Amino acid sequence: MYQKNTKISITIKGDGSEIFDYSLPLPHYYTRNGDTYTISYTINGFFTTNKGIAYLNDILARFTLSMKVVSTQITNSEEDDGIELCCFQGLKSVVRHKDYERVDVGQDNIFWAIKLYTEDLIRESGEGNEVAYSLIESFAFARFVDRAKDKSTLKAKCRSVWNWYNNKGWTIPNRKGLGMSRQEGAKKAREKRMADTKRKILSIVTGMFKDDYKSKNGTWNVSKIAKDSGTSRNSVMKYLKEME
């Protein structure tokens, strides 16, 4: 797949300033599409060896950790004047997190990029909530070199990460490598959902337009509150009773 010159194309969500934030060389190609833009570089060198492929994948991983990367693409290039991969050393490095419990994958940078992305998903959804495996796999296949002979290996990395956090109850270990149990994680997730539900309801019944949710006799319109807050009637009645 890899010839003497190889072109890498990265689509990024941003305003273009990221190129200068990380002291990147000016791209050979640049185009914008809404809130994303695509940059391309022609890279010198052969990438047919395992070491060369790993080096190229490391650069793609660095882009992914440094910026909001939407997709990456690797193609052959007919350009003669390329640059060296060392020009991208200003990007963030995929470093091993010493405090995480070890998974036997050595110093696999792509694995750690997938792992760190999974932790971002856990934080977004709340610890204790299961993350869909498809999100992790889509991330990996959209951002790293997609070679047919490596599809099973890439899937194995994704499955390894998913299984590890599933066994941890979808919690992120603390600095000492100690995570909550599955039961503790589930309890924390329930408490968070209850707090969010209560906040939504109280924001309506104490807000500027609270009178719009009362009937003519002054009682609360439970159905309307539930609909506009995205909660259930039982939850509305529960927190209205607590408020009283």
Protein backbone atom coordinates (compact mmCIF):
# COMPACT_ATOMS: atom_id res chain seq x y z
CA MET A 1 0.00 0.00 0.00
CA TYR A 2 2.77 2.42 0.92
CA GLN A 3 4.99 3.88 -1.79
CA LYS A 4 7.99 6.18 -1.56
CA ASN A 5 5.70 9.13 -0.95
CA THR A 6 2.50 8.82 1.08
CA LYS A 7 -0.22 11.38 1.61
CA ILE A 8 -1.99 11.69 4.95
CA SER A 9 -5.24 13.66 5.07
CA ILE A 10 -6.80 14.72 8.38
CA THR A 11 -10.25 16.28 8.74
CA ILE A 12 -10.44 18.39 11.89
CA LYS A 13 -13.24 20.25 13.68
CA GLY A 14 -11.89 23.72 14.42
CA ASP A 15 -10.99 27.10 13.00
CA GLY A 16 -7.56 26.24 11.58
CA SER A 17 -5.57 27.78 14.40
CA GLU A 18 -4.68 24.27 15.58
CA ILE A 19 -2.06 24.10 12.83
CA PHE A 20 -0.16 26.93 14.49
CA ASP A 21 -0.91 25.87 18.07
CA TYR A 22 1.16 22.73 17.54
CA SER A 23 3.81 24.32 15.28
CA LEU A 24 2.87 22.12 12.34
CA PRO A 25 4.39 22.70 8.91
CA LEU A 26 2.08 24.41 6.42
CA PRO A 27 -0.01 21.69 4.75
CA HIS A 28 0.33 20.84 1.08
CA TYR A 29 -3.45 21.03 0.82
CA TYR A 30 -6.12 22.85 2.86
CA THR A 31 -9.88 23.09 2.41
CA ARG A 32 -12.73 24.11 4.70
CA ASN A 33 -16.25 22.71 4.93
CA GLY A 34 -18.46 24.41 7.54
CA ASP A 35 -16.98 23.91 11.00
CA THR A 36 -14.41 21.39 9.78
CA TYR A 37 -11.34 21.60 7.57
CA THR A 38 -9.07 19.06 5.89
CA ILE A 39 -5.31 19.27 5.69
CA SER A 40 -3.02 16.98 3.70
CA TYR A 41 0.71 16.32 3.83
CA THR A 42 2.97 14.41 1.50
CA ILE A 43 5.35 12.30 3.58
CA ASN A 44 8.75 11.07 2.43
CA GLY A 45 9.78 7.50 3.03
CA PHE A 46 8.77 3.86 2.72
CA PHE A 47 6.12 2.51 5.11
CA THR A 48 6.04 -1.16 4.20
CA THR A 49 7.79 -2.43 7.35
CA ASN A 50 6.09 -2.97 10.69
CA LYS A 51 8.26 -0.24 12.22
CA GLY A 52 7.34 2.22 9.47
CA ILE A 53 3.63 1.49 9.76
CA ALA A 54 3.78 1.84 13.55
CA TYR A 55 5.54 5.21 13.15
CA LEU A 56 2.85 6.45 10.78
CA ASN A 57 0.09 5.24 13.10
CA ASP A 58 1.77 7.04 15.97
CA ILE A 59 1.51 10.33 14.08
CA LEU A 60 -2.19 9.74 13.41
CA ALA A 61 -2.69 8.97 17.11
CA ARG A 62 -0.92 12.23 18.01
CA PHE A 63 -3.28 14.18 15.74
CA THR A 64 -6.26 12.47 17.38
CA LEU A 65 -5.16 13.38 20.91
CA SER A 66 -4.18 16.94 20.02
CA MET A 67 -7.21 18.02 18.00
CA LYS A 68 -10.87 17.18 17.39
CA VAL A 69 -10.17 14.82 14.52
CA VAL A 70 -13.17 13.72 12.46
CA SER A 71 -11.40 11.30 10.13
CA THR A 72 -8.02 10.38 8.68
CA GLN A 73 -7.06 8.93 5.32
CA ILE A 74 -3.86 7.44 3.90
CA THR A 75 -3.26 7.38 0.15
CA ASN A 76 -0.34 7.12 -2.26
CA SER A 77 1.10 10.41 -3.48
CA GLU A 78 2.63 11.33 -6.82
CA GLU A 79 4.24 14.44 -5.37
CA ASP A 80 8.04 14.42 -5.29
CA ASP A 81 8.58 17.09 -2.65
CA GLY A 82 7.49 15.74 0.72
CA ILE A 83 8.33 16.27 4.39
CA GLU A 84 9.58 14.03 7.19
CA LEU A 85 7.37 12.63 9.96
CA CYS A 86 9.63 14.27 12.55
CA CYS A 87 8.01 17.58 11.55
CA PHE A 88 4.96 16.55 13.62
CA GLN A 89 6.74 16.13 16.94
CA GLY A 90 4.95 19.21 18.32
CA LEU A 91 1.73 17.19 18.61
CA LYS A 92 0.76 15.62 21.92
CA SER A 93 2.37 12.27 22.59
CA VAL A 94 0.32 9.23 23.46
CA VAL A 95 1.94 8.59 26.83
CA ARG A 96 1.31 5.61 29.04
CA HIS A 97 -0.72 6.45 32.16
CA LYS A 98 1.34 4.87 34.94
CA ASP A 99 -1.52 4.87 37.46
CA TYR A 100 -3.90 2.80 35.36
CA GLU A 101 -4.06 -0.92 35.96
CA ARG A 102 -1.96 -2.61 33.33
CA VAL A 103 -3.44 -4.32 30.30
CA ASP A 104 -0.86 -6.49 28.57
CA VAL A 105 -0.46 -4.52 25.33
CA GLY A 106 3.09 -3.20 25.72
CA GLN A 107 3.59 0.34 24.43
CA ASP A 108 0.83 0.24 21.80
CA ASN A 109 0.04 3.90 21.08
CA ILE A 110 -3.12 3.18 19.11
CA PHE A 111 -4.43 1.10 22.00
CA TRP A 112 -3.85 3.97 24.38
CA ALA A 113 -5.56 6.44 22.04
CA ILE A 114 -8.62 4.16 22.03
CA LYS A 115 -8.43 3.80 25.81
CA LEU A 116 -8.24 7.54 26.43
CA TYR A 117 -11.14 8.15 24.02
CA THR A 118 -13.21 5.55 25.89
CA GLU A 119 -12.55 7.37 29.15
CA ASP A 120 -13.82 10.58 27.54
CA LEU A 121 -17.04 8.73 26.62
CA ILE A 122 -17.38 7.46 30.20
CA ARG A 123 -17.01 10.99 31.58
CA GLU A 124 -19.59 12.34 29.13
CA SER A 125 -22.21 9.69 29.94
CA GLY A 126 -21.42 9.50 33.65
CA GLU A 127 -19.49 6.78 35.43
CA GLY A 128 -21.51 3.60 35.85
CA ASN A 129 -23.26 3.97 32.48
CA GLU A 130 -22.30 1.45 29.81
CA VAL A 131 -20.62 2.81 26.67
CA ALA A 132 -21.72 1.29 23.37
CA TYR A 133 -18.99 -0.83 21.78
CA SER A 134 -19.89 0.57 18.33
CA LEU A 135 -18.76 4.06 19.40
CA ILE A 136 -15.31 2.78 20.29
CA GLU A 137 -14.92 0.75 17.10
CA SER A 138 -16.16 3.60 14.91
CA PHE A 139 -13.60 5.91 16.50
CA ALA A 140 -10.75 3.48 15.85
CA PHE A 141 -11.63 2.68 12.25
CA ALA A 142 -12.29 6.32 11.34
CA ARG A 143 -8.93 7.57 12.59
CA PHE A 144 -6.29 4.92 12.04
CA VAL A 145 -4.90 3.29 8.95
CA ASP A 146 -7.48 0.82 7.67
CA ARG A 147 -5.61 -2.14 6.18
CA ALA A 148 -7.58 -5.32 5.58
CA LYS A 149 -4.96 -7.51 7.28
CA ASP A 150 -5.18 -5.38 10.45
CA LYS A 151 -8.97 -5.14 10.83
CA SER A 152 -9.14 -8.07 13.23
CA THR A 153 -6.24 -6.66 15.27
CA LEU A 154 -7.89 -3.25 15.52
CA LYS A 155 -11.19 -4.85 16.55
CA ALA A 156 -9.33 -6.86 19.19
CA LYS A 157 -7.91 -3.65 20.68
CA CYS A 158 -11.39 -2.12 20.82
CA ARG A 159 -12.88 -5.24 22.38
CA SER A 160 -10.06 -5.40 24.93
CA VAL A 161 -10.72 -1.81 26.04
CA TRP A 162 -14.50 -2.34 26.16
CA ASN A 163 -14.20 -5.54 28.19
CA TRP A 164 -11.75 -3.95 30.63
CA TYR A 165 -14.04 -1.05 31.49
CA ASN A 166 -17.11 -3.29 31.49
CA ASN A 167 -15.41 -5.42 34.15
CA LYS A 168 -14.73 -2.21 36.09
CA GLY A 169 -18.41 -1.25 36.07
CA TRP A 170 -17.71 1.62 33.64
CA THR A 171 -15.72 3.61 36.15
CA ILE A 172 -12.33 5.26 35.75
CA PRO A 173 -9.72 4.14 38.31
CA ASN A 174 -8.39 6.86 40.56
CA ARG A 175 -4.74 7.84 41.00
CA LYS A 176 -4.05 4.74 43.08
CA GLY A 177 -5.53 2.44 40.48
CA LEU A 178 -8.56 1.64 42.62
CA GLY A 179 -11.94 1.84 40.93
CA MET A 180 -15.45 1.63 42.32
CA SER A 181 -17.21 -1.69 42.21
CA ARG A 182 -19.96 -2.27 39.66
CA GLN A 183 -22.58 -1.81 42.40
CA GLU A 184 -21.02 1.44 43.60
CA GLY A 185 -20.79 2.71 40.04
CA ALA A 186 -24.44 1.88 39.38
CA LYS A 187 -25.46 3.58 42.63
CA LYS A 188 -23.53 6.72 41.68
CA ALA A 189 -25.13 6.72 38.23
CA ARG A 190 -28.63 6.42 39.75
CA GLU A 191 -27.92 9.28 42.14
CA LYS A 192 -26.75 11.44 39.25
CA ARG A 193 -29.88 10.67 37.20
CA MET A 194 -32.11 11.49 40.18
CA ALA A 195 -30.29 14.78 40.77
CA ASP A 196 -30.61 15.71 37.10
CA THR A 197 -34.32 14.88 37.12
CA LYS A 198 -34.92 16.94 40.25
CA ARG A 199 -33.00 19.88 38.79
CA LYS A 200 -35.08 19.83 35.58
CA ILE A 201 -38.35 19.79 37.47
CA LEU A 202 -37.37 22.45 40.00
CA SER A 203 -36.09 24.74 37.26
CA ILE A 204 -39.62 24.78 35.84
CA VAL A 205 -41.64 25.14 39.05
CA THR A 206 -39.35 27.84 40.44
CA GLY A 207 -38.53 29.61 37.19
CA MET A 208 -39.77 32.80 35.58
CA PHE A 209 -42.62 31.03 33.77
CA LYS A 210 -43.74 28.82 36.63
CA ASP A 211 -47.28 30.26 36.54
CA ASP A 212 -47.71 28.83 33.04
CA TYR A 213 -47.64 25.39 34.63
CA LYS A 214 -50.54 26.01 37.01
CA SER A 215 -54.22 25.44 36.37
CA LYS A 216 -56.91 28.00 37.13
CA ASN A 217 -57.37 26.68 40.67
CA GLY A 218 -53.66 27.11 41.36
CA THR A 219 -52.61 23.45 41.27
CA TRP A 220 -49.66 22.24 39.26
CA ASN A 221 -50.23 20.78 35.79
CA VAL A 222 -48.21 17.62 36.35
CA SER A 223 -48.53 16.35 32.79
CA LYS A 224 -47.23 19.58 31.27
CA ILE A 225 -44.31 19.76 33.69
CA ALA A 226 -43.39 16.14 32.91
CA LYS A 227 -43.57 16.75 29.16
CA ASP A 228 -41.51 19.95 29.13
CA SER A 229 -38.90 18.63 31.57
CA GLY A 230 -38.58 15.29 29.81
CA THR A 231 -39.35 13.40 33.02
CA SER A 232 -42.15 11.14 34.26
CA ARG A 233 -45.36 12.12 36.06
CA ASN A 234 -44.28 10.06 39.07
CA SER A 235 -41.01 12.01 39.31
CA VAL A 236 -42.84 15.32 39.06
CA MET A 237 -45.28 14.38 41.80
CA LYS A 238 -42.43 13.11 43.97
CA TYR A 239 -40.39 16.30 43.84
CA LEU A 240 -43.43 18.58 44.08
CA LYS A 241 -44.34 16.76 47.31
CA GLU A 242 -40.79 17.20 48.59
CA MET A 243 -40.91 20.90 47.75
CA GLU A 244 -44.15 21.32 49.67
